[in-house]
C-alpha atoms as a PDB file:
ATOM      1  CA  MET A   1      13.109   6.816  -5.326  1.00  0.00           C
ATOM      2  CA  GLU A   2      11.819   7.338  -1.806  1.00  0.00           C
ATOM      3  CA  ILE A   3      11.089  11.015  -1.126  1.00  0.00           C
ATOM      4  CA  CYS A   4       9.901  10.956   2.495  1.00  0.00           C
ATOM      5  CA  VAL A   5       8.362   8.749   5.173  1.00  0.00           C
ATOM      6  CA  LEU A   6       5.711   9.643   7.731  1.00  0.00           C
ATOM      7  CA  HIS A   7       4.979   7.541  10.804  1.00  0.00           C
ATOM      8  CA  THR A   8       1.931   7.317  12.985  1.00  0.00           C
ATOM      9  CA  GLY A   9       1.105   5.244  16.017  1.00  0.00           C
ATOM     10  CA  TRP A  10      -1.889   4.199  18.060  1.00  0.00           C
ATOM     11  CA  LYS A  11      -3.020   1.592  20.558  1.00  0.00           C
ATOM     12  CA  SER A  12      -4.869  -1.436  19.255  1.00  0.00           C
ATOM     13  CA  GLU A  13      -8.038  -2.734  20.876  1.00  0.00           C
ATOM     14  CA  GLU A  14      -5.819  -5.196  22.737  1.00  0.00           C
ATOM     15  CA  GLY A  15      -3.789  -2.302  24.167  1.00  0.00           C
ATOM     16  CA  LYS A  16      -0.705  -2.935  22.026  1.00  0.00           C
ATOM     17  CA  GLU A  17       1.099  -0.039  20.399  1.00  0.00           C
ATOM     18  CA  ARG A  18       1.054  -0.199  16.599  1.00  0.00           C
ATOM     19  CA  TRP A  19       3.251   1.940  14.372  1.00  0.00           C
ATOM     20  CA  CYS A  20       2.628   2.382  10.684  1.00  0.00           C
ATOM     21  CA  GLY A  21       4.862   4.046   8.094  1.00  0.00           C
ATOM     22  CA  TYR A  22       3.849   5.814   4.894  1.00  0.00           C
ATOM     23  CA  ALA A  23       6.577   6.333   2.291  1.00  0.00           C
ATOM     24  CA  LEU A  24       6.152   8.579  -0.733  1.00  0.00           C
ATOM     25  CA  LEU A  25       7.851   7.112  -3.797  1.00  0.00           C
ATOM     26  CA  GLU A  26       8.619   8.829  -7.104  1.00  0.00           C
ATOM     27  CA  ARG A  27       9.328   7.151 -10.425  1.00  0.00           C
ATOM     28  CA  ARG A  28      10.413   8.903 -13.606  1.00  0.00           C
ATOM     29  CA  ALA A  29       9.757   7.067 -16.853  1.00  0.00           C
ATOM     30  CA  ASN A  30       9.223   8.199 -20.436  1.00  0.00           C
ATOM     31  CA  GLY A  31       9.299  11.857 -19.436  1.00  0.00           C
ATOM     32  CA  LYS A  32       6.542  11.379 -16.837  1.00  0.00           C
ATOM     33  CA  ILE A  33       6.683  11.421 -13.072  1.00  0.00           C
ATOM     34  CA  GLU A  34       4.507   8.971 -11.182  1.00  0.00           C
ATOM     35  CA  TYR A  35       3.971   8.706  -7.445  1.00  0.00           C
ATOM     36  CA  ALA A  36       3.254   5.749  -5.207  1.00  0.00           C
ATOM     37  CA  ILE A  37       2.757   5.162  -1.516  1.00  0.00           C
ATOM     38  CA  ARG A  38       4.300   2.297   0.378  1.00  0.00           C
ATOM     39  CA  CYS A  39       2.427   1.638   3.592  1.00  0.00           C
ATOM     40  CA  PHE A  40       3.975  -0.722   6.123  1.00  0.00           C
ATOM     41  CA  TRP A  41       3.715  -1.896   9.702  1.00  0.00           C
ATOM     42  CA  GLU A  42       6.779  -1.163  11.788  1.00  0.00           C
ATOM     43  CA  GLY A  43       8.293  -4.533  12.577  1.00  0.00           C
ATOM     44  CA  GLY A  44       7.738  -5.867   9.082  1.00  0.00           C
ATOM     45  CA  ASP A  45       4.485  -7.805   9.305  1.00  0.00           C
ATOM     46  CA  GLY A  46       2.825  -6.305   6.236  1.00  0.00           C
ATOM     47  CA  SER A  47       3.612  -3.853   3.449  1.00  0.00           C
ATOM     48  CA  ILE A  48       1.784  -2.675   0.354  1.00  0.00           C
ATOM     49  CA  ARG A  49       2.752  -0.359  -2.502  1.00  0.00           C
ATOM     50  CA  CYS A  50       0.005   1.487  -4.362  1.00  0.00           C
ATOM     51  CA  TRP A  51       0.324   3.891  -7.263  1.00  0.00           C
ATOM     52  CA  ILE A  52      -1.524   7.163  -6.789  1.00  0.00           C
ATOM     53  CA  HIS A  53      -3.876   8.105  -9.602  1.00  0.00           C
ATOM     54  CA  PRO A  54      -2.405  11.073 -11.541  1.00  0.00           C
ATOM     55  CA  HIS A  55      -5.644  12.969 -10.870  1.00  0.00           C
ATOM     56  CA  LEU A  56      -4.700  13.011  -7.168  1.00  0.00           C
ATOM     57  CA  ALA A  57      -0.948  13.435  -7.602  1.00  0.00           C
ATOM     58  CA  SER A  58      -0.162  15.752 -10.473  1.00  0.00           C
ATOM     59  CA  ASN A  59       2.947  16.994  -8.635  1.00  0.00           C
ATOM     60  CA  CYS A  60       5.007  16.250  -5.527  1.00  0.00           C
ATOM     61  CA  SER A  61       3.000  18.609  -3.299  1.00  0.00           C
ATOM     62  CA  ALA A  62      -0.282  16.947  -4.261  1.00  0.00           C
ATOM     63  CA  ALA A  63       1.239  13.472  -3.737  1.00  0.00           C
ATOM     64  CA  TYR A  64       2.518  14.526  -0.304  1.00  0.00           C
ATOM     65  CA  ALA A  65      -0.972  15.795   0.595  1.00  0.00           C
ATOM     66  CA  VAL A  66      -2.378  12.334  -0.181  1.00  0.00           C
ATOM     67  CA  LEU A  67       0.358  10.725   1.913  1.00  0.00           C
ATOM     68  CA  TYR A  68      -0.377  13.105   4.791  1.00  0.00           C
ATOM     69  CA  ARG A  69      -4.125  12.385   4.640  1.00  0.00           C
ATOM     70  CA  LEU A  70      -3.464   8.645   4.837  1.00  0.00           C
ATOM     71  CA  ALA A  71      -1.142   9.091   7.814  1.00  0.00           C
ATOM     72  CA  CYS A  72      -3.621  11.343   9.644  1.00  0.00           C
ATOM     73  CA  ALA A  73      -6.384   8.796   9.013  1.00  0.00           C
ATOM     74  CA  LYS A  74      -4.069   6.070  10.360  1.00  0.00           C
ATOM     75  CA  ALA A  75      -4.841   3.922   7.320  1.00  0.00           C
ATOM     76  CA  SER A  76      -3.508   0.400   7.658  1.00  0.00           C
ATOM     77  CA  PRO A  77      -1.637  -1.362   4.859  1.00  0.00           C
ATOM     78  CA  LEU A  78      -4.747  -3.489   4.385  1.00  0.00           C
ATOM     79  CA  HIS A  79      -6.916  -0.473   3.535  1.00  0.00           C
ATOM     80  CA  VAL A  80      -4.620   1.947   1.688  1.00  0.00           C
ATOM     81  CA  GLU A  81      -5.428   0.645  -1.792  1.00  0.00           C
ATOM     82  CA  ASP A  82      -9.189   0.888  -1.190  1.00  0.00           C
ATOM     83  CA  ILE A  83      -8.859   4.397   0.220  1.00  0.00           C
ATOM     84  CA  LEU A  84      -6.771   5.549  -2.746  1.00  0.00           C
ATOM     85  CA  ASN A  85      -9.314   4.054  -5.148  1.00  0.00           C
ATOM     86  CA  ASP A  86     -12.140   5.851  -3.345  1.00  0.00           C
ATOM     87  CA  MET A  87     -10.230   9.147  -3.465  1.00  0.00           C
ATOM     88  CA  GLY A  88      -9.549   8.782  -7.196  1.00  0.00           C
ATOM     89  CA  LEU A  89     -13.160   8.409  -8.253  1.00  0.00           C
END
């Protein structure tokens, strides 16, 4: 289930505007709640879904904080998984 979506934009080195979305997803299974982030380029030319390590996202507020950090850092879909892995160590 999608909980919320944040958007951020910036100009590329070529001067083009780029918009990226960050969706917080929640999944309930076997009595546990897990969170994931779907990062995507507006316009549909790339999307990735990454599960957030439970250490970083023990509840919805903590998961949202991770989502917010990624959006503020303007992380691209290509780098979200690496950033989440670095944060989880």
